[in-house]
Amino acid sequence: MAVVLMDQVAPSVARLLINRPHKRNAIDYDVREELTQALYQIKSDSSIRAVVLGGVEGVFSAGGDLDSMGGLDEAQARARMQHIHRLCFELANLPIPVVSAVEGFCAGAAVGMSLLGDYIVVGAGTKVIFPFMGLGLVPDWGAMLTLPRRVGVAKARELMTAGKVSSGEYCYEIGLADVNVGDGDIMTAAVTKASSMAELPQAAFARFKQRLNHPSATLKEELLREEDDQAVLLLGAEFEQGYSAALQKQTADFSNIKREVDNG
């Protein structure tokens, strides 16, 4: 049985669901591998313009599968982390919007995974926890970088050392989450957000995402990157569509302009 389910939940929107309900969708080697392969597939499919991440049966994920973490030697521990990092890299660098539907429990590795996407949707039933210190570990999945970027160093320190469950409302208040639907349907809200993001110009969004995720060290560097991006985009089909729509006082429709894909 597949431990990751993939479907098209809305036009141009793919959904990936972790499918290990007996383990509260805990992430093991097979989950990581299937997610990575699914991201390769999505990256090479120009018809997919946004992604929703979630878990089956109303649970995002209990985090890393503890049964797969014990009894490792150093070589095995490094191999495990390198496998995790391959997925982290593919998710963070996916050139299209990624929306995480954080239903129910979301712990450790799963929080890190959601932070690698672009938008996080929570609700009344969301419960987020960083259990690493209680296990004698440091946070992984890039969370030591991505969480402080969202909530600041002081709040990240608190979340990562307290070992306490944070509600969806609290996650929204501190900026860990982007959307709080309260008692509403988290998955529906995530799909709606992804569908909205799928309408954006794909080439422009891909460059925008890279610039946000990899900030320039100096203003000079940023201005050079800005020049490079605009020199390409001003000559592209998306700008032609947006410019024409603006002159006609209409809303641009980028849906028929397919993004370039990497089949390498």
Protein backbone atom coordinates (compact mmCIF):
# COMPACT_ATOMS: atom_id res chain seq x y z
CA MET A 1 0.00 0.00 0.00
CA ALA A 2 1.31 3.44 -0.92
CA VAL A 3 2.35 5.49 2.10
CA VAL A 4 1.87 8.70 0.11
CA LEU A 5 -1.32 9.30 -1.84
CA MET A 6 -1.40 11.76 -4.72
CA ASP A 7 -4.49 13.18 -6.36
CA GLN A 8 -5.66 16.26 -8.23
CA VAL A 9 -7.84 17.97 -5.70
CA ALA A 10 -8.63 21.03 -7.85
CA PRO A 11 -7.73 22.26 -11.35
CA SER A 12 -3.91 22.53 -11.57
CA VAL A 13 -3.54 21.58 -7.87
CA ALA A 14 -1.92 18.31 -6.77
CA ARG A 15 -2.41 16.99 -3.24
CA LEU A 16 0.05 14.76 -1.38
CA LEU A 17 -1.27 12.91 1.67
CA ILE A 18 0.87 10.86 4.06
CA ASN A 19 -0.96 7.55 4.39
CA ARG A 20 0.10 5.78 7.59
CA PRO A 21 -2.98 6.18 9.79
CA HIS A 22 -1.93 3.39 12.17
CA LYS A 23 1.17 5.48 12.97
CA ARG A 24 -0.58 8.87 12.96
CA ASN A 25 1.15 9.43 9.63
CA ALA A 26 4.65 9.29 11.15
CA ILE A 27 7.42 9.82 8.62
CA ASP A 28 9.80 6.94 7.90
CA TYR A 29 12.13 6.11 5.00
CA ASP A 30 9.31 4.97 2.72
CA VAL A 31 7.29 8.15 3.31
CA ARG A 32 10.30 10.32 2.59
CA GLU A 33 11.16 8.39 -0.57
CA GLU A 34 7.61 8.46 -1.93
CA LEU A 35 7.27 12.17 -1.18
CA THR A 36 10.57 12.86 -2.95
CA GLN A 37 9.53 10.85 -6.01
CA ALA A 38 6.16 12.62 -6.06
CA LEU A 39 7.90 16.00 -6.02
CA TYR A 40 10.09 14.93 -8.95
CA GLN A 41 6.92 14.03 -10.84
CA ILE A 42 5.22 17.31 -9.97
CA LYS A 43 8.27 19.37 -10.92
CA SER A 44 8.28 17.80 -14.40
CA ASP A 45 4.53 18.28 -14.98
CA SER A 46 3.79 21.78 -16.26
CA SER A 47 0.05 21.30 -15.74
CA ILE A 48 0.50 21.33 -11.95
CA ARG A 49 0.65 24.89 -10.64
CA ALA A 50 0.34 24.39 -6.85
CA VAL A 51 0.60 21.64 -4.22
CA VAL A 52 -1.26 20.85 -1.00
CA LEU A 53 0.50 18.78 1.68
CA GLY A 54 -1.49 16.87 4.29
CA GLY A 55 -2.18 13.56 5.97
CA VAL A 56 -5.03 11.06 5.92
CA GLU A 57 -7.80 10.83 8.52
CA GLY A 58 -7.45 14.41 9.71
CA VAL A 59 -3.88 14.12 11.02
CA PHE A 60 -0.98 15.93 9.39
CA SER A 61 1.83 13.85 10.91
CA ALA A 62 3.26 12.73 14.25
CA GLY A 63 6.73 13.57 12.93
CA GLY A 64 9.66 11.22 12.54
CA ASP A 65 8.89 7.54 13.14
CA LEU A 66 10.69 6.72 16.41
CA ASP A 67 10.92 3.04 15.50
CA SER A 68 13.18 3.97 12.57
CA MET A 69 15.51 6.16 14.63
CA GLY A 70 16.96 3.82 17.25
CA GLY A 71 20.02 1.57 17.13
CA LEU A 72 21.85 3.43 14.35
CA ASP A 73 25.61 3.68 13.96
CA GLU A 74 27.14 6.95 12.77
CA ALA A 75 27.14 5.95 9.10
CA GLN A 76 23.47 4.99 9.29
CA ALA A 77 22.60 8.20 11.15
CA ARG A 78 24.31 10.27 8.47
CA ALA A 79 22.63 8.32 5.68
CA ARG A 80 19.26 8.92 7.35
CA MET A 81 19.86 12.66 7.56
CA GLN A 82 21.07 12.83 3.96
CA HIS A 83 17.88 11.10 2.82
CA ILE A 84 15.84 13.64 4.81
CA HIS A 85 17.82 16.50 3.30
CA ARG A 86 17.17 15.33 -0.26
CA LEU A 87 13.45 15.71 0.42
CA CYS A 88 13.98 19.04 2.21
CA PHE A 89 15.85 20.41 -0.79
CA GLU A 90 13.24 19.29 -3.32
CA LEU A 91 10.36 20.67 -1.26
CA ALA A 92 11.98 24.02 -0.49
CA ASN A 93 13.02 24.52 -4.11
CA LEU A 94 9.80 23.42 -5.79
CA PRO A 95 9.12 26.35 -8.13
CA ILE A 96 5.37 26.41 -7.47
CA PRO A 97 3.36 27.29 -4.33
CA VAL A 98 3.17 24.67 -1.56
CA VAL A 99 0.36 24.90 1.01
CA SER A 100 0.38 22.72 4.14
CA ALA A 101 -3.00 21.69 5.57
CA VAL A 102 -1.99 21.17 9.21
CA GLU A 103 -4.92 19.16 10.52
CA GLY A 104 -4.75 17.56 13.95
CA PHE A 105 -1.34 16.64 15.32
CA CYS A 106 1.85 18.04 13.79
CA ALA A 107 5.12 17.22 15.53
CA GLY A 108 8.85 17.64 14.98
CA ALA A 109 9.81 16.62 11.46
CA ALA A 110 6.30 17.37 10.22
CA VAL A 111 6.51 20.95 11.47
CA GLY A 112 9.86 21.27 9.74
CA MET A 113 8.34 19.91 6.54
CA SER A 114 5.47 22.40 6.64
CA LEU A 115 7.92 25.26 7.22
CA LEU A 116 9.70 24.37 3.96
CA GLY A 117 6.54 25.19 2.02
CA ASP A 118 5.03 28.60 1.33
CA TYR A 119 1.79 28.70 3.33
CA ILE A 120 0.56 26.95 6.47
CA VAL A 121 -3.15 26.59 7.25
CA VAL A 122 -4.27 25.71 10.81
CA GLY A 123 -7.52 25.52 12.73
CA ALA A 124 -9.10 24.75 16.06
CA GLY A 125 -7.97 21.12 16.03
CA THR A 126 -4.32 21.83 15.16
CA LYS A 127 -1.71 20.81 17.75
CA VAL A 128 1.94 21.64 17.04
CA ILE A 129 4.93 20.50 19.10
CA PHE A 130 8.72 20.40 18.81
CA PRO A 131 9.78 17.31 20.82
CA PHE A 132 13.48 17.29 19.89
CA MET A 133 14.97 18.44 23.20
CA GLY A 134 12.98 15.81 25.06
CA LEU A 135 14.66 13.22 22.84
CA GLY A 136 18.15 14.65 23.30
CA LEU A 137 18.20 15.97 19.73
CA VAL A 138 18.36 19.31 17.96
CA PRO A 139 15.56 20.35 15.58
CA ASP A 140 16.11 19.16 12.02
CA TRP A 141 14.43 19.38 8.60
CA GLY A 142 15.89 22.89 8.35
CA ALA A 143 13.73 24.21 11.18
CA MET A 144 16.59 26.05 12.89
CA LEU A 145 16.61 28.31 9.83
CA THR A 146 12.97 28.38 8.75
CA LEU A 147 11.27 28.81 12.13
CA PRO A 148 13.26 31.88 13.30
CA ARG A 149 12.61 33.45 9.90
CA ARG A 150 8.90 33.22 10.61
CA VAL A 151 8.60 33.92 14.34
CA GLY A 152 11.95 35.45 15.38
CA VAL A 153 14.78 33.96 17.39
CA ALA A 154 13.26 34.44 20.85
CA LYS A 155 9.95 32.81 19.99
CA ALA A 156 11.70 29.99 18.10
CA ARG A 157 13.84 29.32 21.18
CA GLU A 158 10.72 29.13 23.33
CA LEU A 159 8.88 26.78 20.97
CA MET A 160 11.84 24.48 20.50
CA THR A 161 12.81 24.13 24.16
CA ALA A 162 9.47 24.18 25.99
CA GLY A 163 8.25 20.83 24.64
CA LYS A 164 4.67 22.04 24.90
CA VAL A 165 1.77 21.72 22.49
CA SER A 166 0.83 24.94 20.69
CA SER A 167 -2.70 25.46 19.42
CA GLY A 168 -3.52 26.50 15.89
CA GLU A 169 -4.68 29.87 17.16
CA TYR A 170 -1.36 30.46 18.93
CA CYS A 171 0.62 29.39 15.86
CA TYR A 172 -1.31 31.92 13.82
CA GLU A 173 -0.84 34.69 16.41
CA ILE A 174 2.96 34.33 16.42
CA GLY A 175 3.29 33.97 12.65
CA LEU A 176 4.11 30.26 12.45
CA ALA A 177 0.91 29.80 10.43
CA ASP A 178 -0.50 32.04 7.70
CA VAL A 179 -4.18 31.16 7.88
CA ASN A 180 -6.34 30.18 10.87
CA VAL A 181 -9.78 28.88 9.92
CA GLY A 182 -10.87 28.32 13.52
CA ASP A 183 -13.56 25.65 13.54
CA GLY A 184 -13.57 25.62 9.73
CA ASP A 185 -12.35 22.95 7.35
CA ILE A 186 -8.55 23.16 7.21
CA MET A 187 -8.16 21.01 4.10
CA THR A 188 -10.80 22.94 2.17
CA ALA A 189 -9.14 26.22 3.11
CA ALA A 190 -5.73 24.88 2.03
CA VAL A 191 -7.10 23.75 -1.34
CA THR A 192 -8.77 27.13 -1.82
CA LYS A 193 -5.49 28.90 -1.04
CA ALA A 194 -3.56 26.62 -3.38
CA SER A 195 -6.11 27.19 -6.15
CA SER A 196 -5.72 30.94 -5.72
CA MET A 197 -1.92 30.67 -5.81
CA ALA A 198 -2.13 28.49 -8.93
CA GLU A 199 -3.47 31.53 -10.80
CA LEU A 200 -0.19 33.44 -10.32
CA PRO A 201 2.34 33.79 -13.16
CA GLN A 202 4.55 30.75 -12.75
CA ALA A 203 7.88 32.09 -14.00
CA ALA A 204 7.58 35.21 -11.89
CA PHE A 205 6.57 33.24 -8.79
CA ALA A 206 9.47 30.80 -9.16
CA ARG A 207 11.98 33.67 -9.21
CA PHE A 208 10.16 35.46 -6.38
CA LYS A 209 10.29 32.30 -4.25
CA GLN A 210 14.00 31.79 -4.86
CA ARG A 211 14.75 35.37 -3.85
CA LEU A 212 12.72 35.09 -0.65
CA ASN A 213 14.22 31.74 0.34
CA HIS A 214 17.79 32.79 -0.49
CA PRO A 215 18.12 36.44 0.59
CA SER A 216 20.90 38.57 -0.83
CA ALA A 217 23.78 39.46 1.48
CA THR A 218 24.03 43.05 0.24
CA LEU A 219 21.92 45.63 -1.58
CA LYS A 220 24.32 45.47 -4.53
CA GLU A 221 23.78 41.72 -4.87
CA GLU A 222 20.01 42.15 -4.58
CA LEU A 223 19.91 44.81 -7.27
CA LEU A 224 21.93 42.59 -9.61
CA ARG A 225 19.51 39.71 -9.04
CA GLU A 226 16.62 42.10 -9.59
CA GLU A 227 18.13 43.17 -12.91
CA ASP A 228 18.60 39.56 -14.00
CA ASP A 229 15.02 38.62 -13.14
CA GLN A 230 13.34 41.60 -14.75
CA ALA A 231 15.51 41.39 -17.87
CA VAL A 232 14.12 37.89 -18.44
CA LEU A 233 10.55 38.46 -17.29
CA LEU A 234 10.03 41.70 -19.24
CA LEU A 235 10.61 39.67 -22.41
CA GLY A 236 8.36 36.77 -21.39
CA ALA A 237 4.83 35.65 -22.17
CA GLU A 238 3.60 36.36 -18.65
CA PHE A 239 4.52 40.04 -18.82
CA GLU A 240 3.00 40.27 -22.29
CA GLN A 241 -0.26 38.91 -20.88
CA GLY A 242 -0.14 41.08 -17.74
CA TYR A 243 0.78 44.22 -19.69
CA SER A 244 -1.97 43.70 -22.25
CA ALA A 245 -4.56 43.09 -19.52
CA ALA A 246 -3.45 46.20 -17.62
CA LEU A 247 -3.82 48.39 -20.73
CA GLN A 248 -7.33 47.03 -21.21
CA LYS A 249 -8.11 47.45 -17.49
CA GLN A 250 -8.70 43.70 -17.15
CA THR A 251 -7.39 41.02 -14.82
CA ALA A 252 -4.58 39.01 -16.35
CA ASP A 253 -5.17 35.29 -16.92
CA PHE A 254 -1.91 33.35 -16.76
CA SER A 255 -3.50 29.88 -16.71
CA ASN A 256 -2.65 29.04 -20.32
CA ILE A 257 1.02 29.97 -19.96
CA LYS A 258 2.82 26.81 -18.92
CA ARG A 259 5.94 26.94 -16.80
CA GLU A 260 9.22 25.52 -17.99
CA VAL A 261 9.95 22.15 -16.41
CA ASP A 262 13.15 20.40 -15.41
CA ASN A 263 13.25 16.87 -16.76
CA GLY A 264 16.84 16.30 -15.74
